[in-house]
mmCIF file of all heavy atoms, coordinates in Angstrom:
data_MODEL
# 
_entry.id   MODEL 
# 
loop_
_atom_site.group_PDB 
_atom_site.id 
_atom_site.type_symbol 
_atom_site.label_atom_id 
_atom_site.label_alt_id 
_atom_site.label_comp_id 
_atom_site.label_asym_id 
_atom_site.label_entity_id 
_atom_site.label_seq_id 
_atom_site.pdbx_PDB_ins_code 
_atom_site.Cartn_x 
_atom_site.Cartn_y 
_atom_site.Cartn_z 
_atom_site.occupancy 
_atom_site.B_iso_or_equiv 
_atom_site.pdbx_formal_charge 
_atom_site.auth_seq_id 
_atom_site.auth_comp_id 
_atom_site.auth_asym_id 
_atom_site.auth_atom_id 
_atom_site.pdbx_PDB_model_num 
ATOM 1   N N   . LYS A 1 1  ? -0.738 -3.786 18.486  1.00 0.00 ? 1  LYS A N   1 
ATOM 2   C CA  . LYS A 1 1  ? -0.399 -3.605 19.898  1.00 0.00 ? 1  LYS A CA  1 
ATOM 3   C C   . LYS A 1 1  ? 1.072  -3.278 20.123  1.00 0.00 ? 1  LYS A C   1 
ATOM 4   O O   . LYS A 1 1  ? 1.453  -2.900 21.225  1.00 0.00 ? 1  LYS A O   1 
ATOM 5   C CB  . LYS A 1 1  ? -0.769 -4.862 20.681  1.00 0.00 ? 1  LYS A CB  1 
ATOM 6   C CG  . LYS A 1 1  ? -2.264 -5.116 20.775  1.00 0.00 ? 1  LYS A CG  1 
ATOM 7   C CD  . LYS A 1 1  ? -2.562 -6.295 21.693  1.00 0.00 ? 1  LYS A CD  1 
ATOM 8   C CE  . LYS A 1 1  ? -4.055 -6.502 21.860  1.00 0.00 ? 1  LYS A CE  1 
ATOM 9   N NZ  . LYS A 1 1  ? -4.359 -7.626 22.787  1.00 0.00 ? 1  LYS A NZ  1 
ATOM 10  N N   . ASN A 1 2  ? 1.890  -3.456 19.092  1.00 0.00 ? 2  ASN A N   1 
ATOM 11  C CA  . ASN A 1 2  ? 3.309  -3.144 19.220  1.00 0.00 ? 2  ASN A CA  1 
ATOM 12  C C   . ASN A 1 2  ? 3.684  -1.998 18.284  1.00 0.00 ? 2  ASN A C   1 
ATOM 13  O O   . ASN A 1 2  ? 2.848  -1.484 17.544  1.00 0.00 ? 2  ASN A O   1 
ATOM 14  C CB  . ASN A 1 2  ? 4.168  -4.385 18.944  1.00 0.00 ? 2  ASN A CB  1 
ATOM 15  C CG  . ASN A 1 2  ? 3.934  -4.960 17.553  1.00 0.00 ? 2  ASN A CG  1 
ATOM 16  O OD1 . ASN A 1 2  ? 3.901  -4.244 16.555  1.00 0.00 ? 2  ASN A OD1 1 
ATOM 17  N ND2 . ASN A 1 2  ? 3.763  -6.280 17.474  1.00 0.00 ? 2  ASN A ND2 1 
ATOM 18  N N   . SER A 1 3  ? 4.934  -1.596 18.316  1.00 0.00 ? 3  SER A N   1 
ATOM 19  C CA  . SER A 1 3  ? 5.384  -0.430 17.551  1.00 0.00 ? 3  SER A CA  1 
ATOM 20  C C   . SER A 1 3  ? 6.038  -0.804 16.222  1.00 0.00 ? 3  SER A C   1 
ATOM 21  O O   . SER A 1 3  ? 6.740  0.008  15.624  1.00 0.00 ? 3  SER A O   1 
ATOM 22  C CB  . SER A 1 3  ? 6.364  0.388  18.399  1.00 0.00 ? 3  SER A CB  1 
ATOM 23  O OG  . SER A 1 3  ? 7.479  -0.405 18.783  1.00 0.00 ? 3  SER A OG  1 
ATOM 24  N N   . ASP A 1 4  ? 5.805  -2.036 15.740  1.00 0.00 ? 4  ASP A N   1 
ATOM 25  C CA  . ASP A 1 4  ? 6.425  -2.480 14.487  1.00 0.00 ? 4  ASP A CA  1 
ATOM 26  C C   . ASP A 1 4  ? 6.017  -1.601 13.308  1.00 0.00 ? 4  ASP A C   1 
ATOM 27  O O   . ASP A 1 4  ? 4.832  -1.269 13.132  1.00 0.00 ? 4  ASP A O   1 
ATOM 28  C CB  . ASP A 1 4  ? 6.038  -3.931 14.174  1.00 0.00 ? 4  ASP A CB  1 
ATOM 29  C CG  . ASP A 1 4  ? 6.696  -4.928 15.115  1.00 0.00 ? 4  ASP A CG  1 
ATOM 30  O OD1 . ASP A 1 4  ? 7.559  -4.509 15.893  1.00 0.00 ? 4  ASP A OD1 1 
ATOM 31  O OD2 . ASP A 1 4  ? 6.344  -6.123 15.049  1.00 0.00 ? 4  ASP A OD2 1 
ATOM 32  N N   . VAL A 1 5  ? 7.011  -1.227 12.503  1.00 0.00 ? 5  VAL A N   1 
ATOM 33  C CA  . VAL A 1 5  ? 6.789  -0.550 11.225  1.00 0.00 ? 5  VAL A CA  1 
ATOM 34  C C   . VAL A 1 5  ? 7.545  -1.392 10.202  1.00 0.00 ? 5  VAL A C   1 
ATOM 35  O O   . VAL A 1 5  ? 8.757  -1.318 10.088  1.00 0.00 ? 5  VAL A O   1 
ATOM 36  C CB  . VAL A 1 5  ? 7.310  0.896  11.255  1.00 0.00 ? 5  VAL A CB  1 
ATOM 37  C CG1 . VAL A 1 5  ? 7.069  1.583  9.916   1.00 0.00 ? 5  VAL A CG1 1 
ATOM 38  C CG2 . VAL A 1 5  ? 6.629  1.687  12.374  1.00 0.00 ? 5  VAL A CG2 1 
ATOM 39  N N   . ASP A 1 6  ? 6.809  -2.216 9.465   1.00 0.00 ? 6  ASP A N   1 
ATOM 40  C CA  . ASP A 1 6  ? 7.389  -3.314 8.693   1.00 0.00 ? 6  ASP A CA  1 
ATOM 41  C C   . ASP A 1 6  ? 7.322  -3.039 7.193   1.00 0.00 ? 6  ASP A C   1 
ATOM 42  O O   . ASP A 1 6  ? 6.245  -2.849 6.626   1.00 0.00 ? 6  ASP A O   1 
ATOM 43  C CB  . ASP A 1 6  ? 6.624  -4.603 9.035   1.00 0.00 ? 6  ASP A CB  1 
ATOM 44  C CG  . ASP A 1 6  ? 7.322  -5.852 8.534   1.00 0.00 ? 6  ASP A CG  1 
ATOM 45  O OD1 . ASP A 1 6  ? 8.201  -5.753 7.667   1.00 0.00 ? 6  ASP A OD1 1 
ATOM 46  O OD2 . ASP A 1 6  ? 6.976  -6.953 9.024   1.00 0.00 ? 6  ASP A OD2 1 
ATOM 47  N N   . TYR A 1 7  ? 8.498  -3.007 6.549   1.00 0.00 ? 7  TYR A N   1 
ATOM 48  C CA  . TYR A 1 7  ? 8.599  -2.811 5.107   1.00 0.00 ? 7  TYR A CA  1 
ATOM 49  C C   . TYR A 1 7  ? 8.976  -4.103 4.378   1.00 0.00 ? 7  TYR A C   1 
ATOM 50  O O   . TYR A 1 7  ? 9.296  -4.069 3.196   1.00 0.00 ? 7  TYR A O   1 
ATOM 51  C CB  . TYR A 1 7  ? 9.679  -1.772 4.792   1.00 0.00 ? 7  TYR A CB  1 
ATOM 52  C CG  . TYR A 1 7  ? 9.435  -0.390 5.336   1.00 0.00 ? 7  TYR A CG  1 
ATOM 53  C CD1 . TYR A 1 7  ? 9.906  -0.023 6.590   1.00 0.00 ? 7  TYR A CD1 1 
ATOM 54  C CD2 . TYR A 1 7  ? 8.757  0.560  4.586   1.00 0.00 ? 7  TYR A CD2 1 
ATOM 55  C CE1 . TYR A 1 7  ? 9.705  1.255  7.086   1.00 0.00 ? 7  TYR A CE1 1 
ATOM 56  C CE2 . TYR A 1 7  ? 8.545  1.845  5.072   1.00 0.00 ? 7  TYR A CE2 1 
ATOM 57  C CZ  . TYR A 1 7  ? 9.022  2.179  6.325   1.00 0.00 ? 7  TYR A CZ  1 
ATOM 58  O OH  . TYR A 1 7  ? 8.820  3.454  6.814   1.00 0.00 ? 7  TYR A OH  1 
ATOM 59  N N   . SER A 1 8  ? 8.931  -5.232 5.064   1.00 0.00 ? 8  SER A N   1 
ATOM 60  C CA  . SER A 1 8  ? 9.537  -6.451 4.521   1.00 0.00 ? 8  SER A CA  1 
ATOM 61  C C   . SER A 1 8  ? 8.724  -7.121 3.417   1.00 0.00 ? 8  SER A C   1 
ATOM 62  O O   . SER A 1 8  ? 9.259  -7.928 2.663   1.00 0.00 ? 8  SER A O   1 
ATOM 63  C CB  . SER A 1 8  ? 9.797  -7.455 5.644   1.00 0.00 ? 8  SER A CB  1 
ATOM 64  O OG  . SER A 1 8  ? 8.601  -7.812 6.307   1.00 0.00 ? 8  SER A OG  1 
ATOM 65  N N   . GLY A 1 9  ? 7.434  -6.845 3.304   1.00 0.00 ? 9  GLY A N   1 
ATOM 66  C CA  . GLY A 1 9  ? 6.631  -7.528 2.290   1.00 0.00 ? 9  GLY A CA  1 
ATOM 67  C C   . GLY A 1 9  ? 5.608  -6.600 1.657   1.00 0.00 ? 9  GLY A C   1 
ATOM 68  O O   . GLY A 1 9  ? 5.377  -5.479 2.118   1.00 0.00 ? 9  GLY A O   1 
ATOM 69  N N   . ASN A 1 10 ? 4.990  -7.074 0.582   1.00 0.00 ? 10 ASN A N   1 
ATOM 70  C CA  . ASN A 1 10 ? 3.959  -6.319 -0.114  1.00 0.00 ? 10 ASN A CA  1 
ATOM 71  C C   . ASN A 1 10 ? 2.576  -6.769 0.347   1.00 0.00 ? 10 ASN A C   1 
ATOM 72  O O   . ASN A 1 10 ? 2.425  -7.816 0.971   1.00 0.00 ? 10 ASN A O   1 
ATOM 73  C CB  . ASN A 1 10 ? 4.092  -6.525 -1.632  1.00 0.00 ? 10 ASN A CB  1 
ATOM 74  C CG  . ASN A 1 10 ? 3.072  -5.734 -2.423  1.00 0.00 ? 10 ASN A CG  1 
ATOM 75  O OD1 . ASN A 1 10 ? 2.604  -4.693 -1.973  1.00 0.00 ? 10 ASN A OD1 1 
ATOM 76  N ND2 . ASN A 1 10 ? 2.725  -6.218 -3.598  1.00 0.00 ? 10 ASN A ND2 1 
ATOM 77  N N   . CYS A 1 11 ? 1.558  -5.971 0.016   1.00 0.00 ? 11 CYS A N   1 
ATOM 78  C CA  . CYS A 1 11 ? 0.157  -6.348 0.245   1.00 0.00 ? 11 CYS A CA  1 
ATOM 79  C C   . CYS A 1 11 ? -0.537 -6.406 -1.107  1.00 0.00 ? 11 CYS A C   1 
ATOM 80  O O   . CYS A 1 11 ? -0.679 -5.380 -1.784  1.00 0.00 ? 11 CYS A O   1 
ATOM 81  C CB  . CYS A 1 11 ? -0.535 -5.339 1.150   1.00 0.00 ? 11 CYS A CB  1 
ATOM 82  S SG  . CYS A 1 11 ? -2.317 -5.625 1.301   1.00 0.00 ? 11 CYS A SG  1 
ATOM 83  N N   . GLY A 1 12 ? -0.971 -7.593 -1.499  1.00 0.00 ? 12 GLY A N   1 
ATOM 84  C CA  . GLY A 1 12 ? -1.640 -7.748 -2.782  1.00 0.00 ? 12 GLY A CA  1 
ATOM 85  C C   . GLY A 1 12 ? -2.967 -7.021 -2.842  1.00 0.00 ? 12 GLY A C   1 
ATOM 86  O O   . GLY A 1 12 ? -3.317 -6.437 -3.875  1.00 0.00 ? 12 GLY A O   1 
ATOM 87  N N   . ASN A 1 13 ? -3.730 -7.045 -1.749  1.00 0.00 ? 13 ASN A N   1 
ATOM 88  C CA  . ASN A 1 13 ? -5.014 -6.360 -1.754  1.00 0.00 ? 13 ASN A CA  1 
ATOM 89  C C   . ASN A 1 13 ? -4.848 -4.867 -1.976  1.00 0.00 ? 13 ASN A C   1 
ATOM 90  O O   . ASN A 1 13 ? -5.505 -4.271 -2.830  1.00 0.00 ? 13 ASN A O   1 
ATOM 91  C CB  . ASN A 1 13 ? -5.766 -6.627 -0.447  1.00 0.00 ? 13 ASN A CB  1 
ATOM 92  C CG  . ASN A 1 13 ? -6.634 -7.870 -0.505  1.00 0.00 ? 13 ASN A CG  1 
ATOM 93  O OD1 . ASN A 1 13 ? -7.546 -7.955 -1.310  1.00 0.00 ? 13 ASN A OD1 1 
ATOM 94  N ND2 . ASN A 1 13 ? -6.332 -8.841 0.340   1.00 0.00 ? 13 ASN A ND2 1 
ATOM 95  N N   . MET A 1 14 ? -3.941 -4.234 -1.224  1.00 0.00 ? 14 MET A N   1 
ATOM 96  C CA  . MET A 1 14 ? -3.751 -2.802 -1.369  1.00 0.00 ? 14 MET A CA  1 
ATOM 97  C C   . MET A 1 14 ? -3.097 -2.451 -2.699  1.00 0.00 ? 14 MET A C   1 
ATOM 98  O O   . MET A 1 14 ? -3.237 -1.318 -3.177  1.00 0.00 ? 14 MET A O   1 
ATOM 99  C CB  . MET A 1 14 ? -2.936 -2.234 -0.207  1.00 0.00 ? 14 MET A CB  1 
ATOM 100 C CG  . MET A 1 14 ? -3.689 -2.178 1.117   1.00 0.00 ? 14 MET A CG  1 
ATOM 101 S SD  . MET A 1 14 ? -5.405 -1.579 1.032   1.00 0.00 ? 14 MET A SD  1 
ATOM 102 C CE  . MET A 1 14 ? -5.245 -0.044 0.137   1.00 0.00 ? 14 MET A CE  1 
ATOM 103 N N   . SER A 1 15 ? -2.418 -3.407 -3.320  1.00 0.00 ? 15 SER A N   1 
ATOM 104 C CA  . SER A 1 15 ? -1.852 -3.148 -4.650  1.00 0.00 ? 15 SER A CA  1 
ATOM 105 C C   . SER A 1 15 ? -2.940 -2.747 -5.641  1.00 0.00 ? 15 SER A C   1 
ATOM 106 O O   . SER A 1 15 ? -2.689 -2.005 -6.600  1.00 0.00 ? 15 SER A O   1 
ATOM 107 C CB  . SER A 1 15 ? -1.117 -4.387 -5.173  1.00 0.00 ? 15 SER A CB  1 
ATOM 108 O OG  . SER A 1 15 ? 0.001  -4.700 -4.367  1.00 0.00 ? 15 SER A OG  1 
ATOM 109 N N   . SER A 1 16 ? -4.169 -3.240 -5.409  1.00 0.00 ? 16 SER A N   1 
ATOM 110 C CA  . SER A 1 16 ? -5.266 -2.933 -6.338  1.00 0.00 ? 16 SER A CA  1 
ATOM 111 C C   . SER A 1 16 ? -5.684 -1.475 -6.274  1.00 0.00 ? 16 SER A C   1 
ATOM 112 O O   . SER A 1 16 ? -6.333 -0.969 -7.197  1.00 0.00 ? 16 SER A O   1 
ATOM 113 C CB  . SER A 1 16 ? -6.471 -3.841 -6.058  1.00 0.00 ? 16 SER A CB  1 
ATOM 114 O OG  . SER A 1 16 ? -6.996 -3.595 -4.758  1.00 0.00 ? 16 SER A OG  1 
ATOM 115 N N   . ALA A 1 17 ? -5.340 -0.771 -5.207  1.00 0.00 ? 17 ALA A N   1 
ATOM 116 C CA  . ALA A 1 17 ? -5.710 0.638  -5.078  1.00 0.00 ? 17 ALA A CA  1 
ATOM 117 C C   . ALA A 1 17 ? -4.607 1.577  -5.538  1.00 0.00 ? 17 ALA A C   1 
ATOM 118 O O   . ALA A 1 17 ? -4.834 2.781  -5.678  1.00 0.00 ? 17 ALA A O   1 
ATOM 119 C CB  . ALA A 1 17 ? -6.079 0.959  -3.631  1.00 0.00 ? 17 ALA A CB  1 
ATOM 120 N N   . VAL A 1 18 ? -3.408 1.051  -5.783  1.00 0.00 ? 18 VAL A N   1 
ATOM 121 C CA  . VAL A 1 18 ? -2.269 1.901  -6.124  1.00 0.00 ? 18 VAL A CA  1 
ATOM 122 C C   . VAL A 1 18 ? -2.446 2.549  -7.492  1.00 0.00 ? 18 VAL A C   1 
ATOM 123 O O   . VAL A 1 18 ? -2.211 3.753  -7.664  1.00 0.00 ? 18 VAL A O   1 
ATOM 124 C CB  . VAL A 1 18 ? -0.952 1.106  -6.058  1.00 0.00 ? 18 VAL A CB  1 
ATOM 125 C CG1 . VAL A 1 18 ? 0.213  1.950  -6.546  1.00 0.00 ? 18 VAL A CG1 1 
ATOM 126 C CG2 . VAL A 1 18 ? -0.697 0.617  -4.639  1.00 0.00 ? 18 VAL A CG2 1 
ATOM 127 N N   . GLY A 1 19 ? -2.857 1.772  -8.498  1.00 0.00 ? 19 GLY A N   1 
ATOM 128 C CA  . GLY A 1 19 ? -3.092 2.330  -9.823  1.00 0.00 ? 19 GLY A CA  1 
ATOM 129 C C   . GLY A 1 19 ? -4.154 3.418  -9.795  1.00 0.00 ? 19 GLY A C   1 
ATOM 130 O O   . GLY A 1 19 ? -3.928 4.520  -10.323 1.00 0.00 ? 19 GLY A O   1 
ATOM 131 N N   . PRO A 1 20 ? -5.336 3.155  -9.206  1.00 0.00 ? 20 PRO A N   1 
ATOM 132 C CA  . PRO A 1 20 ? -6.339 4.212  -9.097  1.00 0.00 ? 20 PRO A CA  1 
ATOM 133 C C   . PRO A 1 20 ? -5.835 5.456  -8.375  1.00 0.00 ? 20 PRO A C   1 
ATOM 134 O O   . PRO A 1 20 ? -6.123 6.579  -8.789  1.00 0.00 ? 20 PRO A O   1 
ATOM 135 C CB  . PRO A 1 20 ? -7.473 3.523  -8.317  1.00 0.00 ? 20 PRO A CB  1 
ATOM 136 C CG  . PRO A 1 20 ? -7.375 2.089  -8.753  1.00 0.00 ? 20 PRO A CG  1 
ATOM 137 C CD  . PRO A 1 20 ? -5.896 1.826  -8.855  1.00 0.00 ? 20 PRO A CD  1 
ATOM 138 N N   . PHE A 1 21 ? -5.076 5.276  -7.290  1.00 0.00 ? 21 PHE A N   1 
ATOM 139 C CA  . PHE A 1 21 ? -4.522 6.432  -6.582  1.00 0.00 ? 21 PHE A CA  1 
ATOM 140 C C   . PHE A 1 21 ? -3.593 7.228  -7.501  1.00 0.00 ? 21 PHE A C   1 
ATOM 141 O O   . PHE A 1 21 ? -3.637 8.466  -7.541  1.00 0.00 ? 21 PHE A O   1 
ATOM 142 C CB  . PHE A 1 21 ? -3.773 5.975  -5.334  1.00 0.00 ? 21 PHE A CB  1 
ATOM 143 C CG  . PHE A 1 21 ? -3.079 7.098  -4.591  1.00 0.00 ? 21 PHE A CG  1 
ATOM 144 C CD1 . PHE A 1 21 ? -3.774 7.876  -3.679  1.00 0.00 ? 21 PHE A CD1 1 
ATOM 145 C CD2 . PHE A 1 21 ? -1.740 7.363  -4.804  1.00 0.00 ? 21 PHE A CD2 1 
ATOM 146 C CE1 . PHE A 1 21 ? -3.148 8.918  -2.999  1.00 0.00 ? 21 PHE A CE1 1 
ATOM 147 C CE2 . PHE A 1 21 ? -1.090 8.395  -4.127  1.00 0.00 ? 21 PHE A CE2 1 
ATOM 148 C CZ  . PHE A 1 21 ? -1.798 9.179  -3.222  1.00 0.00 ? 21 PHE A CZ  1 
ATOM 149 N N   . ALA A 1 22 ? -2.741 6.522  -8.250  1.00 0.00 ? 22 ALA A N   1 
ATOM 150 C CA  . ALA A 1 22 ? -1.790 7.179  -9.140  1.00 0.00 ? 22 ALA A CA  1 
ATOM 151 C C   . ALA A 1 22 ? -2.513 8.002  -10.208 1.00 0.00 ? 22 ALA A C   1 
ATOM 152 O O   . ALA A 1 22 ? -2.080 9.110  -10.556 1.00 0.00 ? 22 ALA A O   1 
ATOM 153 C CB  . ALA A 1 22 ? -0.875 6.145  -9.791  1.00 0.00 ? 22 ALA A CB  1 
ATOM 154 N N   . VAL A 1 23 ? -3.612 7.473  -10.720 1.00 0.00 ? 23 VAL A N   1 
ATOM 155 C CA  . VAL A 1 23 ? -4.396 8.212  -11.722 1.00 0.00 ? 23 VAL A CA  1 
ATOM 156 C C   . VAL A 1 23 ? -5.131 9.375  -11.073 1.00 0.00 ? 23 VAL A C   1 
ATOM 157 O O   . VAL A 1 23 ? -5.118 10.505 -11.571 1.00 0.00 ? 23 VAL A O   1 
ATOM 158 C CB  . VAL A 1 23 ? -5.380 7.257  -12.434 1.00 0.00 ? 23 VAL A CB  1 
ATOM 159 C CG1 . VAL A 1 23 ? -6.398 8.051  -13.256 1.00 0.00 ? 23 VAL A CG1 1 
ATOM 160 C CG2 . VAL A 1 23 ? -4.627 6.287  -13.328 1.00 0.00 ? 23 VAL A CG2 1 
ATOM 161 N N   . ASP A 1 24 ? -5.785 9.125  -9.945  1.00 0.00 ? 24 ASP A N   1 
ATOM 162 C CA  . ASP A 1 24 ? -6.580 10.161 -9.279  1.00 0.00 ? 24 ASP A CA  1 
ATOM 163 C C   . ASP A 1 24 ? -5.739 11.360 -8.878  1.00 0.00 ? 24 ASP A C   1 
ATOM 164 O O   . ASP A 1 24 ? -6.217 12.504 -8.883  1.00 0.00 ? 24 ASP A O   1 
ATOM 165 C CB  . ASP A 1 24 ? -7.274 9.588  -8.040  1.00 0.00 ? 24 ASP A CB  1 
ATOM 166 C CG  . ASP A 1 24 ? -8.355 8.569  -8.378  1.00 0.00 ? 24 ASP A CG  1 
ATOM 167 O OD1 . ASP A 1 24 ? -8.797 8.530  -9.535  1.00 0.00 ? 24 ASP A OD1 1 
ATOM 168 O OD2 . ASP A 1 24 ? -8.734 7.803  -7.461  1.00 0.00 ? 24 ASP A OD2 1 
ATOM 169 N N   . TYR A 1 25 ? -4.485 11.127 -8.502  1.00 0.00 ? 25 TYR A N   1 
ATOM 170 C CA  . TYR A 1 25 ? -3.627 12.205 -8.005  1.00 0.00 ? 25 TYR A CA  1 
ATOM 171 C C   . TYR A 1 25 ? -2.543 12.604 -8.996  1.00 0.00 ? 25 TYR A C   1 
ATOM 172 O O   . TYR A 1 25 ? -1.540 13.200 -8.619  1.00 0.00 ? 25 TYR A O   1 
ATOM 173 C CB  . TYR A 1 25 ? -3.050 11.816 -6.636  1.00 0.00 ? 25 TYR A CB  1 
ATOM 174 C CG  . TYR A 1 25 ? -4.146 11.764 -5.600  1.00 0.00 ? 25 TYR A CG  1 
ATOM 175 C CD1 . TYR A 1 25 ? -4.848 10.577 -5.382  1.00 0.00 ? 25 TYR A CD1 1 
ATOM 176 C CD2 . TYR A 1 25 ? -4.533 12.902 -4.912  1.00 0.00 ? 25 TYR A CD2 1 
ATOM 177 C CE1 . TYR A 1 25 ? -5.899 10.530 -4.476  1.00 0.00 ? 25 TYR A CE1 1 
ATOM 178 C CE2 . TYR A 1 25 ? -5.577 12.871 -4.008  1.00 0.00 ? 25 TYR A CE2 1 
ATOM 179 C CZ  . TYR A 1 25 ? -6.257 11.679 -3.797  1.00 0.00 ? 25 TYR A CZ  1 
ATOM 180 O OH  . TYR A 1 25 ? -7.300 11.649 -2.916  1.00 0.00 ? 25 TYR A OH  1 
ATOM 181 N N   . ARG A 1 26 ? -2.767 12.258 -10.268 1.00 0.00 ? 26 ARG A N   1 
ATOM 182 C CA  . ARG A 1 26 ? -1.931 12.703 -11.380 1.00 0.00 ? 26 ARG A CA  1 
ATOM 183 C C   . ARG A 1 26 ? -0.471 12.287 -11.236 1.00 0.00 ? 26 ARG A C   1 
ATOM 184 O O   . ARG A 1 26 ? 0.424  12.961 -11.772 1.00 0.00 ? 26 ARG A O   1 
ATOM 185 C CB  . ARG A 1 26 ? -2.024 14.233 -11.542 1.00 0.00 ? 26 ARG A CB  1 
ATOM 186 C CG  . ARG A 1 26 ? -3.444 14.775 -11.664 1.00 0.00 ? 26 ARG A CG  1 
ATOM 187 C CD  . ARG A 1 26 ? -4.176 14.186 -12.876 1.00 0.00 ? 26 ARG A CD  1 
ATOM 188 N NE  . ARG A 1 26 ? -5.484 14.791 -13.082 1.00 0.00 ? 26 ARG A NE  1 
ATOM 189 C CZ  . ARG A 1 26 ? -6.629 14.268 -12.658 1.00 0.00 ? 26 ARG A CZ  1 
ATOM 190 N NH1 . ARG A 1 26 ? -6.618 13.107 -11.990 1.00 0.00 ? 26 ARG A NH1 1 
ATOM 191 N NH2 . ARG A 1 26 ? -7.788 14.857 -12.891 1.00 0.00 ? 26 ARG A NH2 1 
# 
């Protein structure tokens, strides 16, 4: 509901998709 764009922390759940994305997109 607000305009926050927050870089202050990581997301463990989405971390699980980063490796597959890196492989899929070379």
